[in-house]
PDB file of N, CA and C in Angstrom:
ATOM      1  N   MET A   1     136.736  18.752   0.916  1.00  0.00           N
ATOM      2  CA  MET A   1     136.800  19.356   2.233  1.00  0.00           C
ATOM      3  C   MET A   1     136.945  20.869   2.068  1.00  0.00           C
ATOM      4  N   LEU A   2     136.129  21.612   2.762  1.00  0.00           N
ATOM      5  CA  LEU A   2     136.192  23.062   2.703  1.00  0.00           C
ATOM      6  C   LEU A   2     137.257  23.579   3.661  1.00  0.00           C
ATOM      7  N   MET A   3     138.030  24.544   3.181  1.00  0.00           N
ATOM      8  CA  MET A   3     139.032  25.157   4.052  1.00  0.00           C
ATOM      9  C   MET A   3     138.461  26.433   4.639  1.00  0.00           C
ATOM     10  N   SER A   4     138.734  26.673   5.860  1.00  0.00           N
ATOM     11  CA  SER A   4     138.296  27.888   6.524  1.00  0.00           C
ATOM     12  C   SER A   4     139.362  28.958   6.376  1.00  0.00           C
ATOM     13  N   SER A   5     138.936  30.215   6.181  1.00  0.00           N
ATOM     14  CA  SER A   5     139.908  31.306   6.114  1.00  0.00           C
ATOM     15  C   SER A   5     140.482  31.596   7.498  1.00  0.00           C
ATOM     16  N   ALA A   6     139.951  30.929   8.525  1.00  0.00           N
ATOM     17  CA  ALA A   6     140.430  31.153   9.884  1.00  0.00           C
ATOM     18  C   ALA A   6     141.853  30.639  10.090  1.00  0.00           C
ATOM     19  N   ASP A   7     142.302  29.738   9.242  1.00  0.00           N
ATOM     20  CA  ASP A   7     143.635  29.183   9.423  1.00  0.00           C
ATOM     21  C   ASP A   7     144.557  29.529   8.258  1.00  0.00           C
ATOM     22  N   ARG A   8     144.243  30.593   7.529  1.00  0.00           N
ATOM     23  CA  ARG A   8     145.055  30.981   6.382  1.00  0.00           C
ATOM     24  C   ARG A   8     145.536  32.420   6.508  1.00  0.00           C
ATOM     25  N   ALA A   9     146.699  32.657   5.940  1.00  0.00           N
ATOM     26  CA  ALA A   9     147.227  34.019   5.884  1.00  0.00           C
ATOM     27  C   ALA A   9     146.494  34.781   4.792  1.00  0.00           C
ATOM     28  N   ALA A  10     146.207  36.026   5.065  1.00  0.00           N
ATOM     29  CA  ALA A  10     145.585  36.903   4.072  1.00  0.00           C
ATOM     30  C   ALA A  10     146.682  37.499   3.195  1.00  0.00           C
ATOM     31  N   THR A  11     146.304  37.917   2.008  1.00  0.00           N
ATOM     32  CA  THR A  11     147.193  38.678   1.141  1.00  0.00           C
ATOM     33  C   THR A  11     146.617  40.085   1.052  1.00  0.00           C
ATOM     34  N   LEU A  12     147.443  41.067   1.358  1.00  0.00           N
ATOM     35  CA  LEU A  12     146.981  42.451   1.407  1.00  0.00           C
ATOM     36  C   LEU A  12     147.785  43.335   0.471  1.00  0.00           C
ATOM     37  N   ILE A  13     147.193  44.441   0.078  1.00  0.00           N
ATOM     38  CA  ILE A  13     147.906  45.532  -0.577  1.00  0.00           C
ATOM     39  C   ILE A  13     147.877  46.680   0.410  1.00  0.00           C
ATOM     40  N   TYR A  14     149.066  47.125   0.819  1.00  0.00           N
ATOM     41  CA  TYR A  14     149.191  48.157   1.842  1.00  0.00           C
ATOM     42  C   TYR A  14     149.237  49.532   1.203  1.00  0.00           C
ATOM     43  N   GLY A  15     148.418  50.431   1.694  1.00  0.00           N
ATOM     44  CA  GLY A  15     148.395  51.813   1.238  1.00  0.00           C
ATOM     45  C   GLY A  15     148.749  52.745   2.378  1.00  0.00           C
ATOM     46  N   PRO A  16     148.860  54.044   2.103  1.00  0.00           N
ATOM     47  CA  PRO A  16     149.257  54.996   3.138  1.00  0.00           C
ATOM     48  C   PRO A  16     148.223  55.173   4.255  1.00  0.00           C
ATOM     49  N   ASN A  17     146.964  54.882   3.979  1.00  0.00           N
ATOM     50  CA  ASN A  17     145.914  55.087   4.979  1.00  0.00           C
ATOM     51  C   ASN A  17     145.161  53.827   5.356  1.00  0.00           C
ATOM     52  N   GLY A  18     145.598  52.687   4.851  1.00  0.00           N
ATOM     53  CA  GLY A  18     144.910  51.434   5.136  1.00  0.00           C
ATOM     54  C   GLY A  18     145.414  50.350   4.213  1.00  0.00           C
ATOM     55  N   PHE A  19     144.707  49.247   4.213  1.00  0.00           N
ATOM     56  CA  PHE A  19     145.093  48.129   3.361  1.00  0.00           C
ATOM     57  C   PHE A  19     143.853  47.537   2.703  1.00  0.00           C
ATOM     58  N   ARG A  20     144.086  46.830   1.604  1.00  0.00           N
ATOM     59  CA  ARG A  20     143.015  46.176   0.868  1.00  0.00           C
ATOM     60  C   ARG A  20     143.287  44.676   0.865  1.00  0.00           C
ATOM     61  N   VAL A  21     142.277  43.895   1.165  1.00  0.00           N
ATOM     62  CA  VAL A  21     142.407  42.440   1.188  1.00  0.00           C
ATOM     63  C   VAL A  21     142.277  41.908  -0.237  1.00  0.00           C
ATOM     64  N   VAL A  22     143.316  41.200  -0.690  1.00  0.00           N
ATOM     65  CA  VAL A  22     143.325  40.586  -2.014  1.00  0.00           C
ATOM     66  C   VAL A  22     142.921  39.122  -1.914  1.00  0.00           C
ATOM     67  N   LYS A  23     143.395  38.455  -0.854  1.00  0.00           N
ATOM     68  CA  LYS A  23     143.044  37.057  -0.598  1.00  0.00           C
ATOM     69  C   LYS A  23     142.613  36.952   0.855  1.00  0.00           C
ATOM     70  N   ASN A  24     141.420  36.439   1.081  1.00  0.00           N
ATOM     71  CA  ASN A  24     140.880  36.347   2.436  1.00  0.00           C
ATOM     72  C   ASN A  24     141.719  35.476   3.347  1.00  0.00           C
ATOM     73  N   GLY A  25     141.761  35.864   4.593  1.00  0.00           N
ATOM     74  CA  GLY A  25     142.451  35.153   5.657  1.00  0.00           C
ATOM     75  C   GLY A  25     142.229  35.948   6.928  1.00  0.00           C
ATOM     76  N   THR A  26     142.758  35.478   8.019  1.00  0.00           N
ATOM     77  CA  THR A  26     142.536  36.166   9.286  1.00  0.00           C
ATOM     78  C   THR A  26     143.782  36.838   9.835  1.00  0.00           C
ATOM     79  N   PHE A  27     144.941  36.580   9.216  1.00  0.00           N
ATOM     80  CA  PHE A  27     146.181  37.155   9.724  1.00  0.00           C
ATOM     81  C   PHE A  27     147.158  37.383   8.575  1.00  0.00           C
ATOM     82  N   VAL A  28     148.208  38.156   8.873  1.00  0.00           N
ATOM     83  CA  VAL A  28     149.362  38.288   7.984  1.00  0.00           C
ATOM     84  C   VAL A  28     150.596  38.032   8.831  1.00  0.00           C
ATOM     85  N   PRO A  29     151.656  37.493   8.244  1.00  0.00           N
ATOM     86  CA  PRO A  29     152.873  37.268   9.032  1.00  0.00           C
ATOM     87  C   PRO A  29     153.683  38.554   9.156  1.00  0.00           C
ATOM     88  N   CYS A  30     154.304  38.744  10.306  1.00  0.00           N
ATOM     89  CA  CYS A  30     155.229  39.857  10.508  1.00  0.00           C
ATOM     90  C   CYS A  30     156.432  39.622   9.594  1.00  0.00           C
ATOM     91  N   ALA A  31     156.858  40.652   8.869  1.00  0.00           N
ATOM     92  CA  ALA A  31     157.976  40.528   7.927  1.00  0.00           C
ATOM     93  C   ALA A  31     159.302  40.273   8.634  1.00  0.00           C
ATOM     94  N   VAL A  32     159.401  40.610   9.912  1.00  0.00           N
ATOM     95  CA  VAL A  32     160.657  40.443  10.649  1.00  0.00           C
ATOM     96  C   VAL A  32     160.675  39.131  11.420  1.00  0.00           C
ATOM     97  N   THR A  33     159.613  38.846  12.151  1.00  0.00           N
ATOM     98  CA  THR A  33     159.598  37.675  13.032  1.00  0.00           C
ATOM     99  C   THR A  33     158.828  36.481  12.485  1.00  0.00           C
ATOM    100  N   GLY A  34     157.948  36.716  11.517  1.00  0.00           N
ATOM    101  CA  GLY A  34     157.085  35.651  11.015  1.00  0.00           C
ATOM    102  C   GLY A  34     155.866  35.409  11.883  1.00  0.00           C
ATOM    103  N   GLU A  35     155.780  36.107  12.998  1.00  0.00           N
ATOM    104  CA  GLU A  35     154.656  35.980  13.930  1.00  0.00           C
ATOM    105  C   GLU A  35     153.350  36.366  13.240  1.00  0.00           C
ATOM    106  N   PRO A  36     152.282  35.573  13.403  1.00  0.00           N
ATOM    107  CA  PRO A  36     151.006  35.946  12.792  1.00  0.00           C
ATOM    108  C   PRO A  36     150.408  37.177  13.478  1.00  0.00           C
ATOM    109  N   ILE A  37     149.943  38.117  12.662  1.00  0.00           N
ATOM    110  CA  ILE A  37     149.300  39.334  13.166  1.00  0.00           C
ATOM    111  C   ILE A  37     147.836  39.280  12.729  1.00  0.00           C
ATOM    112  N   PRO A  38     146.897  39.166  13.671  1.00  0.00           N
ATOM    113  CA  PRO A  38     145.476  39.178  13.292  1.00  0.00           C
ATOM    114  C   PRO A  38     145.148  40.491  12.570  1.00  0.00           C
ATOM    115  N   LEU A  39     144.345  40.422  11.517  1.00  0.00           N
ATOM    116  CA  LEU A  39     144.041  41.618  10.742  1.00  0.00           C
ATOM    117  C   LEU A  39     143.446  42.734  11.591  1.00  0.00           C
ATOM    118  N   GLU A  40     142.634  42.374  12.583  1.00  0.00           N
ATOM    119  CA  GLU A  40     142.023  43.403  13.428  1.00  0.00           C
ATOM    120  C   GLU A  40     143.048  44.095  14.340  1.00  0.00           C
ATOM    121  N   GLU A  41     144.240  43.532  14.461  1.00  0.00           N
ATOM    122  CA  GLU A  41     145.294  44.140  15.276  1.00  0.00           C
ATOM    123  C   GLU A  41     146.419  44.749  14.434  1.00  0.00           C
ATOM    124  N   LEU A  42     146.324  44.655  13.117  1.00  0.00           N
ATOM    125  CA  LEU A  42     147.372  45.151  12.230  1.00  0.00           C
ATOM    126  C   LEU A  42     147.396  46.677  12.241  1.00  0.00           C
ATOM    127  N   THR A  43     148.528  47.237  12.671  1.00  0.00           N
ATOM    128  CA  THR A  43     148.687  48.682  12.795  1.00  0.00           C
ATOM    129  C   THR A  43     149.885  49.207  12.027  1.00  0.00           C
ATOM    130  N   TYR A  44     150.920  48.392  11.878  1.00  0.00           N
ATOM    131  CA  TYR A  44     152.181  48.850  11.293  1.00  0.00           C
ATOM    132  C   TYR A  44     152.499  48.099  10.007  1.00  0.00           C
ATOM    133  N   TRP A  45     152.795  48.861   8.942  1.00  0.00           N
ATOM    134  CA  TRP A  45     153.194  48.264   7.675  1.00  0.00           C
ATOM    135  C   TRP A  45     153.990  49.266   6.868  1.00  0.00           C
ATOM    136  N   SER A  46     154.639  48.769   5.819  1.00  0.00           N
ATOM    137  CA  SER A  46     155.402  49.610   4.902  1.00  0.00           C
ATOM    138  C   SER A  46     154.722  49.574   3.542  1.00  0.00           C
ATOM    139  N   VAL A  47     154.347  50.751   3.048  1.00  0.00           N
ATOM    140  CA  VAL A  47     153.748  50.843   1.725  1.00  0.00           C
ATOM    141  C   VAL A  47     154.802  50.512   0.673  1.00  0.00           C
ATOM    142  N   GLU A  48     156.020  51.037   0.847  1.00  0.00           N
ATOM    143  CA  GLU A  48     157.088  50.817  -0.126  1.00  0.00           C
ATOM    144  C   GLU A  48     157.487  49.348  -0.220  1.00  0.00           C
ATOM    145  N   ARG A  49     157.624  48.688   0.912  1.00  0.00           N
ATOM    146  CA  ARG A  49     158.047  47.282   0.937  1.00  0.00           C
ATOM    147  C   ARG A  49     156.885  46.306   0.869  1.00  0.00           C
ATOM    148  N   GLN A  50     155.664  46.803   1.091  1.00  0.00           N
ATOM    149  CA  GLN A  50     154.470  45.952   1.130  1.00  0.00           C
ATOM    150  C   GLN A  50     154.653  44.833   2.148  1.00  0.00           C
ATOM    151  N   GLU A  51     155.023  45.249   3.385  1.00  0.00           N
ATOM    152  CA  GLU A  51     155.259  44.323   4.489  1.00  0.00           C
ATOM    153  C   GLU A  51     154.498  44.784   5.729  1.00  0.00           C
ATOM    154  N   ALA A  52     154.148  43.830   6.559  1.00  0.00           N
ATOM    155  CA  ALA A  52     153.490  44.102   7.835  1.00  0.00           C
ATOM    156  C   ALA A  52     154.469  43.852   8.978  1.00  0.00           C
ATOM    157  N   TYR A  53     154.271  44.579  10.084  1.00  0.00           N
ATOM    158  CA  TYR A  53     155.131  44.440  11.265  1.00  0.00           C
ATOM    159  C   TYR A  53     154.253  44.317  12.507  1.00  0.00           C
ATOM    160  N   SER A  54     154.709  43.541  13.465  1.00  0.00           N
ATOM    161  CA  SER A  54     153.912  43.305  14.670  1.00  0.00           C
ATOM    162  C   SER A  54     154.069  44.396  15.722  1.00  0.00           C
ATOM    163  N   SER A  55     155.048  45.306  15.542  1.00  0.00           N
ATOM    164  CA  SER A  55     155.203  46.398  16.513  1.00  0.00           C
ATOM    165  C   SER A  55     155.888  47.590  15.848  1.00  0.00           C
ATOM    166  N   ALA A  56     155.755  48.737  16.489  1.00  0.00           N
ATOM    167  CA  ALA A  56     156.419  49.949  16.001  1.00  0.00           C
ATOM    168  C   ALA A  56     157.936  49.777  16.066  1.00  0.00           C
ATOM    169  N   GLU A  57     158.420  49.107  17.087  1.00  0.00           N
ATOM    170  CA  GLU A  57     159.856  48.876  17.241  1.00  0.00           C
ATOM    171  C   GLU A  57     160.416  48.073  16.060  1.00  0.00           C
ATOM    172  N   LEU A  58     159.726  47.006  15.680  1.00  0.00           N
ATOM    173  CA  LEU A  58     160.185  46.194  14.552  1.00  0.00           C
ATOM    174  C   LEU A  58     160.092  46.959  13.238  1.00  0.00           C
ATOM    175  N   SER A  59     159.060  47.768  13.095  1.00  0.00           N
ATOM    176  CA  SER A  59     158.916  48.596  11.896  1.00  0.00           C
ATOM    177  C   SER A  59     160.091  49.567  11.765  1.00  0.00           C
ATOM    178  N   THR A  60     160.460  50.203  12.865  1.00  0.00           N
ATOM    179  CA  THR A  60     161.574  51.147  12.869  1.00  0.00           C
ATOM    180  C   THR A  60     162.896  50.438  12.586  1.00  0.00           C
ATOM    181  N   LYS A  61     163.105  49.299  13.231  1.00  0.00           N
ATOM    182  CA  LYS A  61     164.333  48.543  13.000  1.00  0.00           C
ATOM    183  C   LYS A  61     164.477  48.136  11.538  1.00  0.00           C
ATOM    184  N   ARG A  62     163.379  47.719  10.928  1.00  0.00           N
ATOM    185  CA  ARG A  62     163.403  47.327   9.521  1.00  0.00           C
ATOM    186  C   ARG A  62     163.739  48.538   8.636  1.00  0.00           C
ATOM    187  N   LEU A  63     163.129  49.671   8.946  1.00  0.00           N
ATOM    188  CA  LEU A  63     163.377  50.904   8.192  1.00  0.00           C
ATOM    189  C   LEU A  63     164.836  51.318   8.270  1.00  0.00           C
ATOM    190  N   LEU A  64     165.449  51.127   9.450  1.00  0.00           N
ATOM    191  CA  LEU A  64     166.854  51.499   9.658  1.00  0.00           C
ATOM    192  C   LEU A  64     167.826  50.420   9.202  1.00  0.00           C
ATOM    193  N   GLY A  65     167.302  49.309   8.718  1.00  0.00           N
ATOM    194  CA  GLY A  65     168.175  48.221   8.247  1.00  0.00           C
ATOM    195  C   GLY A  65     168.742  47.380   9.357  1.00  0.00           C
ATOM    196  N   GLU A  66     168.153  47.434  10.529  1.00  0.00           N
ATOM    197  CA  GLU A  66     168.642  46.679  11.686  1.00  0.00           C
ATOM    198  C   GLU A  66     167.911  45.342  11.851  1.00  0.00           C
ATOM    199  N   ALA A  67     166.944  45.089  11.010  1.00  0.00           N
ATOM    200  CA  ALA A  67     166.190  43.836  11.117  1.00  0.00           C
ATOM    201  C   ALA A  67     165.907  43.280   9.742  1.00  0.00           C
TER     202      ALA A  67
END
């Protein structure tokens, strides 16, 4: 049975100006909430932590140690 990348999380390497797909998928989980973030909507991430966030608020909270 073939698996579709439509139902799998992608593995990314986050850089300062973008990200590189290491393993195909259609989403990444938010590091704080676990909520799936579609790759086409991914805007916030941490290069140092190599994590994705679903909003600027969650990204800031994580940076400040509040999440």
